C-alpha atoms as a PDB file:
ATOM      1  CA  UNK A   1      -0.020   0.069   0.096  1.00  0.00           C
ATOM      2  CA  UNK A   2       1.542   3.306  -1.077  1.00  0.00           C
ATOM      3  CA  UNK A   3       2.353   5.846   1.677  1.00  0.00           C
ATOM      4  CA  UNK A   4       0.236   8.970   1.895  1.00  0.00           C
ATOM      5  CA  UNK A   5       2.296  12.030   0.898  1.00  0.00           C
ATOM      6  CA  UNK A   6       2.981  14.309   3.742  1.00  0.00           C
ATOM      7  CA  UNK A   7       1.910  17.937   3.694  1.00  0.00           C
ATOM      8  CA  UNK A   8       4.230  20.702   4.567  1.00  0.00           C
ATOM      9  CA  UNK A   9       2.084  21.139   7.738  1.00  0.00           C
ATOM     10  CA  UNK A  10       2.634  17.378   8.558  1.00  0.00           C
ATOM     11  CA  UNK A  11       6.273  17.801   7.974  1.00  0.00           C
ATOM     12  CA  UNK A  12       6.227  20.741  10.467  1.00  0.00           C
ATOM     13  CA  UNK A  13       5.174  18.264  13.434  1.00  0.00           C
ATOM     14  CA  UNK A  14       8.554  16.631  13.696  1.00  0.00           C
ATOM     15  CA  UNK A  15      10.575  15.719  16.796  1.00  0.00           C
ATOM     16  CA  UNK A  16      11.018  18.204  19.407  1.00  0.00           C
ATOM     17  CA  UNK A  17      14.254  19.884  19.943  1.00  0.00           C
ATOM     18  CA  UNK A  18      17.290  18.525  21.514  1.00  0.00           C
ATOM     19  CA  UNK A  19      21.070  19.026  21.967  1.00  0.00           C
ATOM     20  CA  UNK A  20      23.966  16.840  21.179  1.00  0.00           C
ATOM     21  CA  UNK A  21      27.587  16.987  22.085  1.00  0.00           C
ATOM     22  CA  UNK A  22      29.585  16.745  18.717  1.00  0.00           C
ATOM     23  CA  UNK A  23      32.335  14.156  18.768  1.00  0.00           C
ATOM     24  CA  UNK A  24      33.854  15.865  15.606  1.00  0.00           C
ATOM     25  CA  UNK A  25      33.632  19.115  13.922  1.00  0.00           C
ATOM     26  CA  UNK A  26      30.563  19.674  12.006  1.00  0.00           C
ATOM     27  CA  UNK A  27      29.251  22.471   9.725  1.00  0.00           C
ATOM     28  CA  UNK A  28      31.685  24.916  11.176  1.00  0.00           C
ATOM     29  CA  UNK A  29      30.802  23.890  14.859  1.00  0.00           C
ATOM     30  CA  UNK A  30      33.884  22.452  16.660  1.00  0.00           C
ATOM     31  CA  UNK A  31      34.003  19.099  18.212  1.00  0.00           C
ATOM     32  CA  UNK A  32      33.112  19.232  22.082  1.00  0.00           C
ATOM     33  CA  UNK A  33      30.294  21.885  21.393  1.00  0.00           C
ATOM     34  CA  UNK A  34      26.599  21.536  22.522  1.00  0.00           C
ATOM     35  CA  UNK A  35      24.709  21.626  19.178  1.00  0.00           C
ATOM     36  CA  UNK A  36      20.964  22.358  19.245  1.00  0.00           C
ATOM     37  CA  UNK A  37      18.776  20.401  16.759  1.00  0.00           C
ATOM     38  CA  UNK A  38      15.862  22.575  16.758  1.00  0.00           C
ATOM     39  CA  UNK A  39      12.588  21.726  14.929  1.00  0.00           C
ATOM     40  CA  UNK A  40       9.973  23.276  12.669  1.00  0.00           C
ATOM     41  CA  UNK A  41       7.424  24.279  15.265  1.00  0.00           C
ATOM     42  CA  UNK A  42      10.128  25.900  17.349  1.00  0.00           C
ATOM     43  CA  UNK A  43      11.287  27.740  14.533  1.00  0.00           C
ATOM     44  CA  UNK A  44       7.786  28.854  13.316  1.00  0.00           C
ATOM     45  CA  UNK A  45       7.072  30.142  16.910  1.00  0.00           C
ATOM     46  CA  UNK A  46      10.404  31.954  17.101  1.00  0.00           C
ATOM     47  CA  UNK A  47       9.598  33.687  13.736  1.00  0.00           C
ATOM     48  CA  UNK A  48       6.201  34.987  14.921  1.00  0.00           C
ATOM     49  CA  UNK A  49       7.328  35.982  18.457  1.00  0.00           C
ATOM     50  CA  UNK A  50      10.945  37.362  17.654  1.00  0.00           C
ATOM     51  CA  UNK A  51      10.926  38.736  14.110  1.00  0.00           C
ATOM     52  CA  UNK A  52       8.272  41.508  14.159  1.00  0.00           C
ATOM     53  CA  UNK A  53       6.751  43.566  11.283  1.00  0.00           C
ATOM     54  CA  UNK A  54       9.172  45.623   9.400  1.00  0.00           C
ATOM     55  CA  UNK A  55      12.208  43.873  10.898  1.00  0.00           C
ATOM     56  CA  UNK A  56      14.511  41.345   9.285  1.00  0.00           C
ATOM     57  CA  UNK A  57      17.112  39.042  10.890  1.00  0.00           C
ATOM     58  CA  UNK A  58      19.784  36.917   9.344  1.00  0.00           C
ATOM     59  CA  UNK A  59      19.443  33.211   9.686  1.00  0.00           C
ATOM     60  CA  UNK A  60      22.844  32.915  11.575  1.00  0.00           C
ATOM     61  CA  UNK A  61      21.380  35.424  14.320  1.00  0.00           C
ATOM     62  CA  UNK A  62      18.087  33.239  14.461  1.00  0.00           C
ATOM     63  CA  UNK A  63      20.530  30.339  15.074  1.00  0.00           C
ATOM     64  CA  UNK A  64      22.585  32.066  17.681  1.00  0.00           C
ATOM     65  CA  UNK A  65      19.495  33.279  19.668  1.00  0.00           C
ATOM     66  CA  UNK A  66      17.877  29.731  19.561  1.00  0.00           C
ATOM     67  CA  UNK A  67      20.952  28.224  20.711  1.00  0.00           C
ATOM     68  CA  UNK A  68      21.198  30.637  23.611  1.00  0.00           C
ATOM     69  CA  UNK A  69      17.627  29.906  24.607  1.00  0.00           C
ATOM     70  CA  UNK A  70      18.593  26.306  25.182  1.00  0.00           C
ATOM     71  CA  UNK A  71      21.928  26.885  26.626  1.00  0.00           C
ATOM     72  CA  UNK A  72      23.736  25.298  23.561  1.00  0.00           C
ATOM     73  CA  UNK A  73      26.946  26.472  21.945  1.00  0.00           C
ATOM     74  CA  UNK A  74      25.475  26.597  18.526  1.00  0.00           C
ATOM     75  CA  UNK A  75      22.238  25.652  16.328  1.00  0.00           C
ATOM     76  CA  UNK A  76      22.709  23.264  13.558  1.00  0.00           C
ATOM     77  CA  UNK A  77      22.975  25.038  10.135  1.00  0.00           C
ATOM     78  CA  UNK A  78      21.811  22.057   8.213  1.00  0.00           C
ATOM     79  CA  UNK A  79      18.561  21.186   9.946  1.00  0.00           C
ATOM     80  CA  UNK A  80      17.910  24.972  10.526  1.00  0.00           C
ATOM     81  CA  UNK A  81      17.717  25.372   6.621  1.00  0.00           C
ATOM     82  CA  UNK A  82      15.605  22.374   6.246  1.00  0.00           C
ATOM     83  CA  UNK A  83      13.339  23.298   8.792  1.00  0.00           C
ATOM     84  CA  UNK A  84      13.155  27.074   7.666  1.00  0.00           C
ATOM     85  CA  UNK A  85      11.954  25.686   4.386  1.00  0.00           C
ATOM     86  CA  UNK A  86       9.238  23.421   5.824  1.00  0.00           C
ATOM     87  CA  UNK A  87       8.057  26.388   7.828  1.00  0.00           C
ATOM     88  CA  UNK A  88       8.161  28.611   4.725  1.00  0.00           C
ATOM     89  CA  UNK A  89       6.315  26.135   2.652  1.00  0.00           C
ATOM     90  CA  UNK A  90       3.664  25.515   5.202  1.00  0.00           C
ATOM     91  CA  UNK A  91       3.162  29.236   5.546  1.00  0.00           C
ATOM     92  CA  UNK A  92       2.793  29.635   1.768  1.00  0.00           C
ATOM     93  CA  UNK A  93       0.112  26.926   1.817  1.00  0.00           C
ATOM     94  CA  UNK A  94      -1.644  28.984   4.483  1.00  0.00           C
ATOM     95  CA  UNK A  95      -1.475  32.083   2.505  1.00  0.00           C
ATOM     96  CA  UNK A  96      -2.580  30.407  -0.524  1.00  0.00           C
ATOM     97  CA  UNK A  97      -5.444  28.927   1.556  1.00  0.00           C
ATOM     98  CA  UNK A  98      -6.511  32.454   2.311  1.00  0.00           C
ATOM     99  CA  UNK A  99      -4.814  33.287   5.669  1.00  0.00           C
ATOM    100  CA  UNK A 100      -3.403  36.858   5.939  1.00  0.00           C
ATOM    101  CA  UNK A 101       0.402  37.264   5.948  1.00  0.00           C
ATOM    102  CA  UNK A 102      -0.098  38.546   9.457  1.00  0.00           C
ATOM    103  CA  UNK A 103      -1.418  35.133  10.872  1.00  0.00           C
ATOM    104  CA  UNK A 104       1.397  33.100   9.253  1.00  0.00           C
ATOM    105  CA  UNK A 105       5.311  32.593  10.123  1.00  0.00           C
ATOM    106  CA  UNK A 106       6.827  35.596   8.578  1.00  0.00           C
ATOM    107  CA  UNK A 107       9.634  33.656   6.772  1.00  0.00           C
ATOM    108  CA  UNK A 108      10.328  36.329   4.287  1.00  0.00           C
ATOM    109  CA  UNK A 109      11.768  38.357   7.171  1.00  0.00           C
ATOM    110  CA  UNK A 110      14.702  35.980   7.508  1.00  0.00           C
ATOM    111  CA  UNK A 111      15.098  34.421   4.091  1.00  0.00           C
ATOM    112  CA  UNK A 112      17.433  36.584   1.873  1.00  0.00           C
ATOM    113  CA  UNK A 113      15.714  36.808  -1.425  1.00  0.00           C
ATOM    114  CA  UNK A 114      19.185  36.153  -2.893  1.00  0.00           C
ATOM    115  CA  UNK A 115      20.033  32.988  -1.106  1.00  0.00           C
ATOM    116  CA  UNK A 116      19.706  29.724  -2.690  1.00  0.00           C
ATOM    117  CA  UNK A 117      16.724  28.796  -0.191  1.00  0.00           C
ATOM    118  CA  UNK A 118      14.679  31.549  -1.457  1.00  0.00           C
ATOM    119  CA  UNK A 119      15.054  30.117  -5.081  1.00  0.00           C
ATOM    120  CA  UNK A 120      13.664  26.800  -4.062  1.00  0.00           C
ATOM    121  CA  UNK A 121      10.672  28.092  -2.472  1.00  0.00           C
ATOM    122  CA  UNK A 122       7.225  28.022  -4.087  1.00  0.00           C
ATOM    123  CA  UNK A 123       6.589  31.684  -2.866  1.00  0.00           C
ATOM    124  CA  UNK A 124       9.355  32.929  -5.187  1.00  0.00           C
ATOM    125  CA  UNK A 125      12.060  35.454  -4.836  1.00  0.00           C
ATOM    126  CA  UNK A 126       9.863  38.213  -6.214  1.00  0.00           C
ATOM    127  CA  UNK A 127       7.181  37.517  -3.683  1.00  0.00           C
ATOM    128  CA  UNK A 128       9.743  37.705  -0.677  1.00  0.00           C
ATOM    129  CA  UNK A 129      11.095  41.001  -2.184  1.00  0.00           C
ATOM    130  CA  UNK A 130       7.681  42.333  -2.520  1.00  0.00           C
ATOM    131  CA  UNK A 131       6.610  41.502   0.922  1.00  0.00           C
ATOM    132  CA  UNK A 132       9.888  43.094   2.138  1.00  0.00           C
ATOM    133  CA  UNK A 133       9.388  46.289   0.293  1.00  0.00           C
ATOM    134  CA  UNK A 134       5.620  46.274   1.529  1.00  0.00           C
ATOM    135  CA  UNK A 135       6.819  46.110   5.318  1.00  0.00           C
ATOM    136  CA  UNK A 136       9.263  48.814   4.806  1.00  0.00           C
ATOM    137  CA  UNK A 137       6.480  51.383   3.584  1.00  0.00           C
END
């Protein structure tokens, strides 16, 4: 029997955040560091609470702040990028379903329109740029 295709909303409901101690260097984080593996729901909540209208944050700053909240040395850059895409695509589904941008995770405030991630999103680079401009006005 074929497996049901997971929606982006389904993918958001992943394992809870946890920390690991690295045995070896990983993605620019040195061995011995406590590395936070966040989750899509935490990232969504963070964006809604800590990146208000008209502001922007670099993904690196988001990772630093999440790590600090968990008493970790760093947040995994690989899983953060994956989870950010999950959150962005789930938010896009909500927008396409009629939700206002004020009621979804504001992914456009942390995803640089020039980044490789922005080019992968269904919302598209142009939409992200338009949202950023609209919030500057």
